[in-house]
Amino acid sequence: MADSPTGSASRQPVEAYSARITVEEIANRLDVGRLAVYAMLEQGIIPGIRFGRRWLITRYAYEQWEKTCGAPERPGLITPPEVTVLN
């Protein structure tokens, strides 16, 4: 099959780093099955938008969720002080 004049085939290859993350990639990162990821999306645990039967999950939103496990950062929360033990 010949390439188009722009130097690419009829379909572009998927980039290694996309703005969106797939259910399969999330399942691998969390070490759970795809059905568990779909259940978390349905329940609103993982941020995503449903379009018919498909889910759109942005990499940024997922990575922010992954850092905090979904707990919202609110002003006024005090971080526990570090304890230093002196001998």
N, C-alpha and C. Protein backbone atom coordinates (compact mmCIF):
# COMPACT_ATOMS: atom_id res chain seq x y z
N MET A 1 0.84 -1.17 0.00
CA MET A 1 0.00 0.00 0.00
C MET A 1 0.89 1.24 0.00
N ALA A 2 0.62 2.17 -0.85
CA ALA A 2 1.45 3.37 -0.97
C ALA A 2 1.02 4.40 0.05
N ASP A 3 2.00 5.19 0.48
CA ASP A 3 1.72 6.27 1.42
C ASP A 3 1.05 7.42 0.69
N SER A 4 0.35 8.25 1.42
CA SER A 4 -0.27 9.43 0.83
C SER A 4 0.82 10.46 0.56
N PRO A 5 0.49 11.53 -0.18
CA PRO A 5 1.49 12.56 -0.49
C PRO A 5 2.10 13.20 0.74
N THR A 6 1.43 13.16 1.87
CA THR A 6 1.98 13.78 3.08
C THR A 6 2.98 12.88 3.76
N GLY A 7 3.15 11.63 3.24
CA GLY A 7 4.15 10.74 3.80
C GLY A 7 3.63 9.82 4.87
N SER A 8 2.30 9.72 5.01
CA SER A 8 1.75 8.84 6.02
C SER A 8 0.72 7.92 5.39
N ALA A 9 0.51 6.80 5.98
CA ALA A 9 -0.50 5.87 5.49
C ALA A 9 -1.88 6.45 5.75
N SER A 10 -2.91 5.75 5.36
CA SER A 10 -4.27 6.25 5.51
C SER A 10 -4.66 6.44 6.96
N ARG A 11 -4.01 5.75 7.84
CA ARG A 11 -4.32 5.87 9.27
C ARG A 11 -3.05 6.19 10.04
N GLN A 12 -3.11 7.21 10.88
CA GLN A 12 -1.96 7.62 11.67
C GLN A 12 -1.73 6.63 12.81
N PRO A 13 -0.48 6.30 13.14
CA PRO A 13 -0.23 5.43 14.29
C PRO A 13 -0.56 6.17 15.59
N VAL A 14 -0.94 5.43 16.60
CA VAL A 14 -1.26 6.01 17.89
C VAL A 14 0.04 6.46 18.55
N GLU A 15 0.01 7.68 19.06
CA GLU A 15 1.21 8.20 19.73
C GLU A 15 1.40 7.49 21.06
N ALA A 16 2.63 7.44 21.53
CA ALA A 16 2.94 6.76 22.78
C ALA A 16 2.30 7.49 23.97
N TYR A 17 2.21 8.81 23.90
CA TYR A 17 1.63 9.58 25.00
C TYR A 17 0.47 10.38 24.44
N SER A 18 -0.72 10.06 24.85
CA SER A 18 -1.91 10.72 24.36
C SER A 18 -2.52 11.56 25.47
N ALA A 19 -3.36 12.51 25.09
CA ALA A 19 -4.06 13.32 26.07
C ALA A 19 -5.14 12.52 26.77
N ARG A 20 -5.50 11.38 26.17
CA ARG A 20 -6.51 10.51 26.77
C ARG A 20 -5.87 9.21 27.22
N ILE A 21 -6.49 8.57 28.20
CA ILE A 21 -5.99 7.31 28.72
C ILE A 21 -7.09 6.26 28.52
N THR A 22 -6.69 5.06 28.19
CA THR A 22 -7.66 4.01 27.92
C THR A 22 -8.03 3.24 29.18
N VAL A 23 -9.16 2.57 29.12
CA VAL A 23 -9.59 1.73 30.24
C VAL A 23 -8.56 0.63 30.49
N GLU A 24 -8.02 0.07 29.42
CA GLU A 24 -7.01 -0.98 29.56
C GLU A 24 -5.77 -0.47 30.28
N GLU A 25 -5.35 0.76 29.95
CA GLU A 25 -4.16 1.33 30.60
C GLU A 25 -4.43 1.59 32.09
N ILE A 26 -5.62 2.06 32.40
CA ILE A 26 -5.97 2.28 33.80
C ILE A 26 -6.00 0.95 34.54
N ALA A 27 -6.59 -0.07 33.92
CA ALA A 27 -6.65 -1.39 34.55
C ALA A 27 -5.25 -1.91 34.83
N ASN A 28 -4.33 -1.72 33.91
CA ASN A 28 -2.94 -2.16 34.12
C ASN A 28 -2.28 -1.38 35.25
N ARG A 29 -2.51 -0.07 35.29
CA ARG A 29 -1.88 0.75 36.32
C ARG A 29 -2.40 0.43 37.71
N LEU A 30 -3.70 0.09 37.80
CA LEU A 30 -4.30 -0.23 39.10
C LEU A 30 -4.24 -1.71 39.42
N ASP A 31 -3.80 -2.51 38.46
CA ASP A 31 -3.74 -3.96 38.61
C ASP A 31 -5.11 -4.55 38.95
N VAL A 32 -6.11 -4.11 38.18
CA VAL A 32 -7.47 -4.63 38.30
C VAL A 32 -7.96 -4.97 36.90
N GLY A 33 -9.11 -5.58 36.82
CA GLY A 33 -9.69 -5.92 35.53
C GLY A 33 -10.40 -4.73 34.90
N ARG A 34 -10.67 -4.86 33.59
CA ARG A 34 -11.38 -3.79 32.87
C ARG A 34 -12.77 -3.55 33.45
N LEU A 35 -13.46 -4.62 33.85
CA LEU A 35 -14.81 -4.47 34.39
C LEU A 35 -14.80 -3.66 35.69
N ALA A 36 -13.75 -3.81 36.48
CA ALA A 36 -13.62 -3.02 37.70
C ALA A 36 -13.45 -1.54 37.37
N VAL A 37 -12.69 -1.24 36.33
CA VAL A 37 -12.50 0.15 35.90
C VAL A 37 -13.83 0.72 35.42
N TYR A 38 -14.57 -0.05 34.62
CA TYR A 38 -15.87 0.42 34.16
C TYR A 38 -16.82 0.67 35.32
N ALA A 39 -16.78 -0.19 36.33
CA ALA A 39 -17.62 0.00 37.52
C ALA A 39 -17.24 1.28 38.25
N MET A 40 -15.93 1.55 38.38
CA MET A 40 -15.48 2.77 39.05
C MET A 40 -15.87 4.01 38.24
N LEU A 41 -15.84 3.92 36.92
CA LEU A 41 -16.28 5.04 36.09
C LEU A 41 -17.78 5.27 36.27
N GLU A 42 -18.57 4.20 36.25
CA GLU A 42 -20.02 4.30 36.43
C GLU A 42 -20.37 4.95 37.76
N GLN A 43 -19.62 4.61 38.81
CA GLN A 43 -19.90 5.13 40.15
C GLN A 43 -19.33 6.52 40.38
N GLY A 44 -18.55 7.03 39.43
CA GLY A 44 -17.97 8.35 39.57
C GLY A 44 -16.71 8.36 40.42
N ILE A 45 -16.15 7.20 40.68
CA ILE A 45 -14.92 7.12 41.46
C ILE A 45 -13.75 7.64 40.64
N ILE A 46 -13.67 7.20 39.40
CA ILE A 46 -12.65 7.67 38.45
C ILE A 46 -13.31 8.71 37.56
N PRO A 47 -12.65 9.85 37.32
CA PRO A 47 -13.26 10.89 36.49
C PRO A 47 -13.31 10.48 35.02
N GLY A 48 -14.46 10.61 34.43
CA GLY A 48 -14.61 10.30 33.01
C GLY A 48 -15.96 10.79 32.51
N ILE A 49 -16.09 10.89 31.20
CA ILE A 49 -17.33 11.33 30.56
C ILE A 49 -17.79 10.22 29.64
N ARG A 50 -19.05 9.87 29.72
CA ARG A 50 -19.58 8.79 28.91
C ARG A 50 -20.25 9.36 27.67
N PHE A 51 -19.88 8.81 26.51
CA PHE A 51 -20.50 9.14 25.23
C PHE A 51 -21.10 7.87 24.67
N GLY A 52 -22.38 7.66 24.90
CA GLY A 52 -23.00 6.42 24.45
C GLY A 52 -22.42 5.25 25.21
N ARG A 53 -21.73 4.35 24.50
CA ARG A 53 -21.11 3.20 25.14
C ARG A 53 -19.63 3.42 25.43
N ARG A 54 -19.09 4.55 25.02
CA ARG A 54 -17.65 4.81 25.18
C ARG A 54 -17.40 5.78 26.32
N TRP A 55 -16.22 5.67 26.91
CA TRP A 55 -15.79 6.56 27.98
C TRP A 55 -14.62 7.40 27.50
N LEU A 56 -14.65 8.69 27.83
CA LEU A 56 -13.54 9.60 27.56
C LEU A 56 -12.91 9.93 28.91
N ILE A 57 -11.65 9.56 29.06
CA ILE A 57 -10.93 9.82 30.30
C ILE A 57 -9.66 10.58 29.92
N THR A 58 -9.54 11.82 30.41
CA THR A 58 -8.33 12.56 30.08
C THR A 58 -7.20 12.09 30.98
N ARG A 59 -6.02 12.05 30.41
CA ARG A 59 -4.84 11.61 31.16
C ARG A 59 -4.60 12.54 32.35
N TYR A 60 -4.77 13.84 32.16
CA TYR A 60 -4.52 14.80 33.24
C TYR A 60 -5.47 14.55 34.41
N ALA A 61 -6.77 14.41 34.12
CA ALA A 61 -7.75 14.19 35.18
C ALA A 61 -7.48 12.88 35.90
N TYR A 62 -7.14 11.84 35.15
CA TYR A 62 -6.87 10.56 35.79
C TYR A 62 -5.62 10.64 36.66
N GLU A 63 -4.55 11.27 36.17
CA GLU A 63 -3.32 11.34 36.95
C GLU A 63 -3.51 12.19 38.21
N GLN A 64 -4.34 13.23 38.14
CA GLN A 64 -4.65 14.01 39.35
C GLN A 64 -5.42 13.14 40.33
N TRP A 65 -6.37 12.35 39.82
CA TRP A 65 -7.12 11.44 40.68
C TRP A 65 -6.19 10.40 41.30
N GLU A 66 -5.26 9.89 40.51
CA GLU A 66 -4.34 8.86 40.98
C GLU A 66 -3.45 9.39 42.11
N LYS A 67 -3.05 10.65 42.02
CA LYS A 67 -2.18 11.25 43.05
C LYS A 67 -2.91 11.38 44.39
N THR A 68 -4.20 11.67 44.34
CA THR A 68 -4.95 11.94 45.57
C THR A 68 -5.94 10.84 45.92
N CYS A 69 -6.02 9.81 45.08
CA CYS A 69 -7.02 8.74 45.26
C CYS A 69 -8.43 9.32 45.29
N GLY A 70 -8.63 10.42 44.59
CA GLY A 70 -9.94 11.01 44.47
C GLY A 70 -10.33 11.96 45.59
N ALA A 71 -9.49 12.10 46.61
CA ALA A 71 -9.82 13.01 47.72
C ALA A 71 -9.59 14.45 47.26
N PRO A 72 -10.61 15.29 47.36
CA PRO A 72 -10.43 16.68 46.93
C PRO A 72 -9.49 17.42 47.88
N GLU A 73 -8.68 18.27 47.30
CA GLU A 73 -7.80 19.11 48.11
C GLU A 73 -8.60 20.35 48.49
N ARG A 74 -8.74 20.56 49.79
CA ARG A 74 -9.52 21.70 50.26
C ARG A 74 -8.63 22.61 51.08
N PRO A 75 -8.82 23.90 50.94
CA PRO A 75 -8.04 24.81 51.77
C PRO A 75 -8.44 24.64 53.23
N GLY A 76 -7.50 24.83 54.10
CA GLY A 76 -7.76 24.74 55.52
C GLY A 76 -7.38 23.40 56.12
N LEU A 77 -7.10 22.42 55.30
CA LEU A 77 -6.66 21.15 55.85
C LEU A 77 -5.22 21.30 56.32
N ILE A 78 -4.96 20.81 57.49
CA ILE A 78 -3.64 20.94 58.07
C ILE A 78 -2.90 19.62 57.88
N THR A 79 -1.72 19.71 57.35
CA THR A 79 -0.92 18.50 57.21
C THR A 79 -0.34 18.15 58.57
N PRO A 80 -0.31 16.89 58.90
CA PRO A 80 0.24 16.50 60.21
C PRO A 80 1.72 16.87 60.28
N PRO A 81 2.15 17.34 61.44
CA PRO A 81 3.56 17.71 61.57
C PRO A 81 4.45 16.46 61.58
N GLU A 82 5.65 16.66 61.13
CA GLU A 82 6.61 15.57 61.18
C GLU A 82 7.12 15.44 62.60
N VAL A 83 7.35 14.22 62.99
CA VAL A 83 7.84 13.97 64.34
C VAL A 83 9.31 13.61 64.25
N THR A 84 10.13 14.33 65.00
CA THR A 84 11.55 14.04 65.03
C THR A 84 11.88 13.45 66.40
N VAL A 85 12.50 12.31 66.40
CA VAL A 85 12.87 11.66 67.66
C VAL A 85 14.34 11.93 67.91
N LEU A 86 14.61 12.50 69.07
CA LEU A 86 15.98 12.79 69.45
C LEU A 86 16.43 11.80 70.48
N ASN A 87 17.58 11.22 70.30
CA ASN A 87 18.12 10.26 71.26
C ASN A 87 19.14 10.91 72.15
